[in-house]
Amino acid sequence: MKYTVSNLEAKRLKGRTVYKISCSFCGADTWKREYFIMAHDNHFCSIECLGESRKTGVTINCKKCGKEFYRTLAEYNKVKNHYCSKSCAISASNKLRLKEKHPNYKDGKASYRSWAFDHYGKECQNNTCKLIEANIPMIEEELDVHHIDGDRLNNSLENLIVLCVLCHARVTRNVED
């Protein structure tokens, strides 16, 4: 809409005449000089309103956390699931790709160690462990996962137990202290 300054409120500001006009985006009143009003169809109170008025995309909610965010139409049409950040996308992807659903999953034989640690904890399960009696803290590298029936292909949790390296050597190789 083209404006004429004749019907606008005017005032003097720093030696110049300025006219009161409404922001085309938010409707707030702003003061502009006559040449600027005549040269442009849209007028904005701030650079933020100008930027917001130029957006042509959509506001959507993150599929993982529900946070509202903006995407351009090109970005919106590119993918099916929309996430507000890489962190949300990775977190959602990880939940969809657990164990058998992961593309690199190969019968779970290599992941029994982490399953045992998640189930039993990261400490020796032997009641007579000398390291526990001596209150010596253990780190994950000093722990082994023992197969109770001796079959390393049987990785069910019932067949696994977490032992420190000393207890594991004692059990599997009959090593004495």
C-alpha atoms as a PDB file:
ATOM      1  CA  MET A   1       0.000   0.000   0.000  1.00  0.00           C
ATOM      2  CA  LYS A   2       1.414   3.367  -0.995  1.00  0.00           C
ATOM      3  CA  TYR A   3       1.192   6.034   1.656  1.00  0.00           C
ATOM      4  CA  THR A   4       0.863   9.792   1.347  1.00  0.00           C
ATOM      5  CA  VAL A   5       2.349  11.893   4.108  1.00  0.00           C
ATOM      6  CA  SER A   6      -0.551  14.340   4.086  1.00  0.00           C
ATOM      7  CA  ASN A   7      -2.733  12.148   6.313  1.00  0.00           C
ATOM      8  CA  LEU A   8       0.081  10.969   8.688  1.00  0.00           C
ATOM      9  CA  GLU A   9       1.036  12.420  12.049  1.00  0.00           C
ATOM     10  CA  ALA A  10       4.285  14.419  11.780  1.00  0.00           C
ATOM     11  CA  LYS A  11       6.939  15.686  14.179  1.00  0.00           C
ATOM     12  CA  ARG A  12      10.380  17.240  14.059  1.00  0.00           C
ATOM     13  CA  LEU A  13      13.249  14.987  15.124  1.00  0.00           C
ATOM     14  CA  LYS A  14      16.875  16.167  14.993  1.00  0.00           C
ATOM     15  CA  GLY A  15      16.003  18.914  12.534  1.00  0.00           C
ATOM     16  CA  ARG A  16      14.053  16.619  10.179  1.00  0.00           C
ATOM     17  CA  THR A  17      10.377  15.955   9.693  1.00  0.00           C
ATOM     18  CA  VAL A  18       9.360  12.349  10.366  1.00  0.00           C
ATOM     19  CA  TYR A  19       5.968  10.686  10.022  1.00  0.00           C
ATOM     20  CA  LYS A  20       4.251   8.116  12.187  1.00  0.00           C
ATOM     21  CA  ILE A  21       3.530   4.874  10.342  1.00  0.00           C
ATOM     22  CA  SER A  22       2.560   1.322  11.404  1.00  0.00           C
ATOM     23  CA  CYS A  23       4.978  -1.606  11.091  1.00  0.00           C
ATOM     24  CA  SER A  24       3.840  -3.911   8.267  1.00  0.00           C
ATOM     25  CA  PHE A  25       4.655  -6.998  10.354  1.00  0.00           C
ATOM     26  CA  CYS A  26       3.743  -6.355  13.998  1.00  0.00           C
ATOM     27  CA  GLY A  27       1.633  -3.188  13.732  1.00  0.00           C
ATOM     28  CA  ALA A  28       3.763  -1.165  16.150  1.00  0.00           C
ATOM     29  CA  ASP A  29       4.128   2.537  15.452  1.00  0.00           C
ATOM     30  CA  THR A  30       7.414   3.709  13.980  1.00  0.00           C
ATOM     31  CA  TRP A  31       8.713   7.035  12.668  1.00  0.00           C
ATOM     32  CA  LYS A  32      10.071   7.334   9.109  1.00  0.00           C
ATOM     33  CA  ARG A  33      11.197  10.155   6.810  1.00  0.00           C
ATOM     34  CA  GLU A  34       9.028  11.129   3.832  1.00  0.00           C
ATOM     35  CA  TYR A  35      11.361   9.857   1.106  1.00  0.00           C
ATOM     36  CA  PHE A  36      11.523   6.446   2.807  1.00  0.00           C
ATOM     37  CA  ILE A  37       7.724   6.209   3.077  1.00  0.00           C
ATOM     38  CA  MET A  38       7.300   7.074  -0.601  1.00  0.00           C
ATOM     39  CA  ALA A  39      10.027   4.667  -1.800  1.00  0.00           C
ATOM     40  CA  HIS A  40       8.799   1.497  -0.047  1.00  0.00           C
ATOM     41  CA  ASP A  41       5.508  -0.375   0.152  1.00  0.00           C
ATOM     42  CA  ASN A  42       6.269  -2.083   3.481  1.00  0.00           C
ATOM     43  CA  HIS A  43       7.666  -0.427   6.592  1.00  0.00           C
ATOM     44  CA  PHE A  44       9.154  -2.160   9.611  1.00  0.00           C
ATOM     45  CA  CYS A  45       9.853  -0.995  13.152  1.00  0.00           C
ATOM     46  CA  SER A  46      12.996  -3.138  13.490  1.00  0.00           C
ATOM     47  CA  ILE A  47      15.374  -5.413  11.635  1.00  0.00           C
ATOM     48  CA  GLU A  48      13.767  -8.346  13.496  1.00  0.00           C
ATOM     49  CA  CYS A  49      10.341  -7.576  12.012  1.00  0.00           C
ATOM     50  CA  LEU A  50      11.897  -7.244   8.563  1.00  0.00           C
ATOM     51  CA  GLY A  51      13.573 -10.650   8.947  1.00  0.00           C
ATOM     52  CA  GLU A  52      10.414 -12.325  10.250  1.00  0.00           C
ATOM     53  CA  SER A  53       8.378 -10.920   7.351  1.00  0.00           C
ATOM     54  CA  ARG A  54      10.740 -12.505   4.824  1.00  0.00           C
ATOM     55  CA  LYS A  55      10.336 -16.034   6.190  1.00  0.00           C
ATOM     56  CA  THR A  56       8.427 -18.320   3.856  1.00  0.00           C
ATOM     57  CA  GLY A  57       8.847 -21.615   5.705  1.00  0.00           C
ATOM     58  CA  VAL A  58       6.866 -23.366   8.407  1.00  0.00           C
ATOM     59  CA  THR A  59       6.989 -23.626  12.178  1.00  0.00           C
ATOM     60  CA  ILE A  60       6.864 -27.262  13.349  1.00  0.00           C
ATOM     61  CA  ASN A  61       7.378 -29.282  16.530  1.00  0.00           C
ATOM     62  CA  CYS A  62      10.404 -31.528  17.123  1.00  0.00           C
ATOM     63  CA  LYS A  63       9.445 -35.202  16.864  1.00  0.00           C
ATOM     64  CA  LYS A  64      11.671 -36.057  19.873  1.00  0.00           C
ATOM     65  CA  CYS A  65      11.292 -33.230  22.422  1.00  0.00           C
ATOM     66  CA  GLY A  66       8.265 -31.303  21.110  1.00  0.00           C
ATOM     67  CA  LYS A  67      10.114 -27.960  20.928  1.00  0.00           C
ATOM     68  CA  GLU A  68       8.745 -25.577  18.292  1.00  0.00           C
ATOM     69  CA  PHE A  69      11.220 -24.488  15.575  1.00  0.00           C
ATOM     70  CA  TYR A  70      11.332 -22.983  12.060  1.00  0.00           C
ATOM     71  CA  ARG A  71      12.273 -24.717   8.794  1.00  0.00           C
ATOM     72  CA  THR A  72      12.379 -23.325   5.261  1.00  0.00           C
ATOM     73  CA  LEU A  73      10.071 -25.042   2.778  1.00  0.00           C
ATOM     74  CA  ALA A  74      13.064 -26.656   1.060  1.00  0.00           C
ATOM     75  CA  GLU A  75      14.302 -28.122   4.382  1.00  0.00           C
ATOM     76  CA  TYR A  76      10.771 -29.134   5.359  1.00  0.00           C
ATOM     77  CA  ASN A  77      10.114 -31.028   2.123  1.00  0.00           C
ATOM     78  CA  LYS A  78      13.516 -32.740   2.161  1.00  0.00           C
ATOM     79  CA  VAL A  79      12.858 -35.111   5.098  1.00  0.00           C
ATOM     80  CA  LYS A  80       9.949 -36.946   6.715  1.00  0.00           C
ATOM     81  CA  ASN A  81      10.891 -36.631  10.411  1.00  0.00           C
ATOM     82  CA  HIS A  82      11.830 -33.218  11.767  1.00  0.00           C
ATOM     83  CA  TYR A  83      14.101 -32.619  14.779  1.00  0.00           C
ATOM     84  CA  CYS A  84      15.120 -29.303  16.355  1.00  0.00           C
ATOM     85  CA  SER A  85      18.798 -30.284  16.720  1.00  0.00           C
ATOM     86  CA  LYS A  86      21.327 -32.969  15.857  1.00  0.00           C
ATOM     87  CA  SER A  87      21.185 -34.103  19.473  1.00  0.00           C
ATOM     88  CA  CYS A  88      17.448 -34.890  19.225  1.00  0.00           C
ATOM     89  CA  ALA A  89      17.909 -36.581  15.836  1.00  0.00           C
ATOM     90  CA  ILE A  90      20.727 -38.810  17.096  1.00  0.00           C
ATOM     91  CA  SER A  91      18.860 -39.671  20.281  1.00  0.00           C
ATOM     92  CA  ALA A  92      15.755 -40.690  18.301  1.00  0.00           C
ATOM     93  CA  SER A  93      17.864 -42.653  15.818  1.00  0.00           C
ATOM     94  CA  ASN A  94      19.650 -44.531  18.598  1.00  0.00           C
ATOM     95  CA  LYS A  95      16.343 -45.639  20.130  1.00  0.00           C
ATOM     96  CA  LEU A  96      15.151 -46.946  16.768  1.00  0.00           C
ATOM     97  CA  ARG A  97      18.389 -48.843  16.113  1.00  0.00           C
ATOM     98  CA  LEU A  98      18.835 -50.919  19.272  1.00  0.00           C
ATOM     99  CA  LYS A  99      20.314 -54.421  19.134  1.00  0.00           C
ATOM    100  CA  GLU A 100      18.671 -56.432  16.321  1.00  0.00           C
ATOM    101  CA  LYS A 101      17.331 -53.312  14.600  1.00  0.00           C
ATOM    102  CA  HIS A 102      20.808 -51.821  14.090  1.00  0.00           C
ATOM    103  CA  PRO A 103      22.156 -52.295  10.529  1.00  0.00           C
ATOM    104  CA  ASN A 104      25.542 -53.529  11.831  1.00  0.00           C
ATOM    105  CA  TYR A 105      24.067 -56.022  14.295  1.00  0.00           C
ATOM    106  CA  LYS A 106      25.560 -59.508  13.995  1.00  0.00           C
ATOM    107  CA  ASP A 107      23.853 -61.926  16.400  1.00  0.00           C
ATOM    108  CA  GLY A 108      24.874 -59.998  19.549  1.00  0.00           C
ATOM    109  CA  LYS A 109      27.973 -62.060  20.287  1.00  0.00           C
ATOM    110  CA  ALA A 110      30.226 -59.038  20.606  1.00  0.00           C
ATOM    111  CA  SER A 111      27.926 -57.009  22.831  1.00  0.00           C
ATOM    112  CA  TYR A 112      27.429 -59.406  25.730  1.00  0.00           C
ATOM    113  CA  ARG A 113      29.997 -57.437  27.800  1.00  0.00           C
ATOM    114  CA  SER A 114      27.944 -54.231  27.799  1.00  0.00           C
ATOM    115  CA  TRP A 115      24.730 -56.191  28.435  1.00  0.00           C
ATOM    116  CA  ALA A 116      26.319 -57.875  31.467  1.00  0.00           C
ATOM    117  CA  PHE A 117      27.609 -54.547  32.827  1.00  0.00           C
ATOM    118  CA  ASP A 118      24.181 -52.951  32.370  1.00  0.00           C
ATOM    119  CA  HIS A 119      22.460 -55.841  34.153  1.00  0.00           C
ATOM    120  CA  TYR A 120      24.930 -56.735  36.950  1.00  0.00           C
ATOM    121  CA  GLY A 121      26.847 -53.473  37.373  1.00  0.00           C
ATOM    122  CA  LYS A 122      30.534 -52.766  37.061  1.00  0.00           C
ATOM    123  CA  GLU A 123      31.913 -54.678  40.032  1.00  0.00           C
ATOM    124  CA  CYS A 124      33.002 -58.219  40.746  1.00  0.00           C
ATOM    125  CA  GLN A 125      30.099 -60.542  41.572  1.00  0.00           C
ATOM    126  CA  ASN A 126      32.284 -63.045  43.487  1.00  0.00           C
ATOM    127  CA  ASN A 127      31.381 -63.003  47.198  1.00  0.00           C
ATOM    128  CA  THR A 128      34.940 -63.986  48.210  1.00  0.00           C
ATOM    129  CA  CYS A 129      36.765 -61.466  45.985  1.00  0.00           C
ATOM    130  CA  LYS A 130      40.038 -60.335  47.593  1.00  0.00           C
ATOM    131  CA  LEU A 131      39.904 -56.921  45.867  1.00  0.00           C
ATOM    132  CA  ILE A 132      36.452 -56.155  47.280  1.00  0.00           C
ATOM    133  CA  GLU A 133      37.545 -57.289  50.772  1.00  0.00           C
ATOM    134  CA  ALA A 134      40.568 -54.941  50.498  1.00  0.00           C
ATOM    135  CA  ASN A 135      38.321 -52.061  49.320  1.00  0.00           C
ATOM    136  CA  ILE A 136      40.344 -51.664  46.134  1.00  0.00           C
ATOM    137  CA  PRO A 137      38.303 -49.753  43.541  1.00  0.00           C
ATOM    138  CA  MET A 138      37.946 -51.465  40.155  1.00  0.00           C
ATOM    139  CA  ILE A 139      37.747 -49.872  36.752  1.00  0.00           C
ATOM    140  CA  GLU A 140      35.936 -51.363  33.757  1.00  0.00           C
ATOM    141  CA  GLU A 141      39.192 -52.498  32.133  1.00  0.00           C
ATOM    142  CA  GLU A 142      39.911 -54.712  35.177  1.00  0.00           C
ATOM    143  CA  LEU A 143      36.604 -56.565  34.831  1.00  0.00           C
ATOM    144  CA  ASP A 144      35.814 -59.614  32.704  1.00  0.00           C
ATOM    145  CA  VAL A 145      32.520 -61.244  31.783  1.00  0.00           C
ATOM    146  CA  HIS A 146      32.576 -64.957  32.551  1.00  0.00           C
ATOM    147  CA  HIS A 147      30.408 -67.541  30.749  1.00  0.00           C
ATOM    148  CA  ILE A 148      29.114 -69.793  33.531  1.00  0.00           C
ATOM    149  CA  ASP A 149      28.592 -72.886  31.340  1.00  0.00           C
ATOM    150  CA  GLY A 150      31.867 -72.305  29.457  1.00  0.00           C
ATOM    151  CA  ASP A 151      30.074 -71.895  26.110  1.00  0.00           C
ATOM    152  CA  ARG A 152      31.182 -68.540  24.687  1.00  0.00           C
ATOM    153  CA  LEU A 153      28.364 -68.651  22.141  1.00  0.00           C
ATOM    154  CA  ASN A 154      25.711 -68.744  24.873  1.00  0.00           C
ATOM    155  CA  ASN A 155      25.402 -65.023  25.660  1.00  0.00           C
ATOM    156  CA  SER A 156      22.142 -65.040  27.580  1.00  0.00           C
ATOM    157  CA  LEU A 157      22.248 -62.944  30.759  1.00  0.00           C
ATOM    158  CA  GLU A 158      21.619 -66.048  32.875  1.00  0.00           C
ATOM    159  CA  ASN A 159      24.910 -67.506  31.558  1.00  0.00           C
ATOM    160  CA  LEU A 160      26.985 -64.375  32.240  1.00  0.00           C
ATOM    161  CA  ILE A 161      28.579 -63.025  35.405  1.00  0.00           C
ATOM    162  CA  VAL A 162      30.901 -60.061  35.952  1.00  0.00           C
ATOM    163  CA  LEU A 163      34.210 -60.929  37.646  1.00  0.00           C
ATOM    164  CA  CYS A 164      37.442 -59.059  38.258  1.00  0.00           C
ATOM    165  CA  VAL A 165      40.459 -60.368  36.294  1.00  0.00           C
ATOM    166  CA  LEU A 166      41.815 -62.191  39.384  1.00  0.00           C
ATOM    167  CA  CYS A 167      38.554 -64.001  40.123  1.00  0.00           C
ATOM    168  CA  HIS A 168      38.078 -64.789  36.441  1.00  0.00           C
ATOM    169  CA  ALA A 169      41.567 -66.324  36.251  1.00  0.00           C
ATOM    170  CA  ARG A 170      40.814 -68.345  39.386  1.00  0.00           C
ATOM    171  CA  VAL A 171      37.556 -69.695  37.972  1.00  0.00           C
ATOM    172  CA  THR A 172      38.626 -70.432  34.400  1.00  0.00           C
ATOM    173  CA  ARG A 173      42.248 -71.471  34.861  1.00  0.00           C
ATOM    174  CA  ASN A 174      42.167 -72.791  38.431  1.00  0.00           C
ATOM    175  CA  VAL A 175      44.764 -70.197  39.465  1.00  0.00           C
ATOM    176  CA  GLU A 176      45.324 -69.928  43.202  1.00  0.00           C
ATOM    177  CA  ASP A 177      46.277 -66.731  45.099  1.00  0.00           C
END
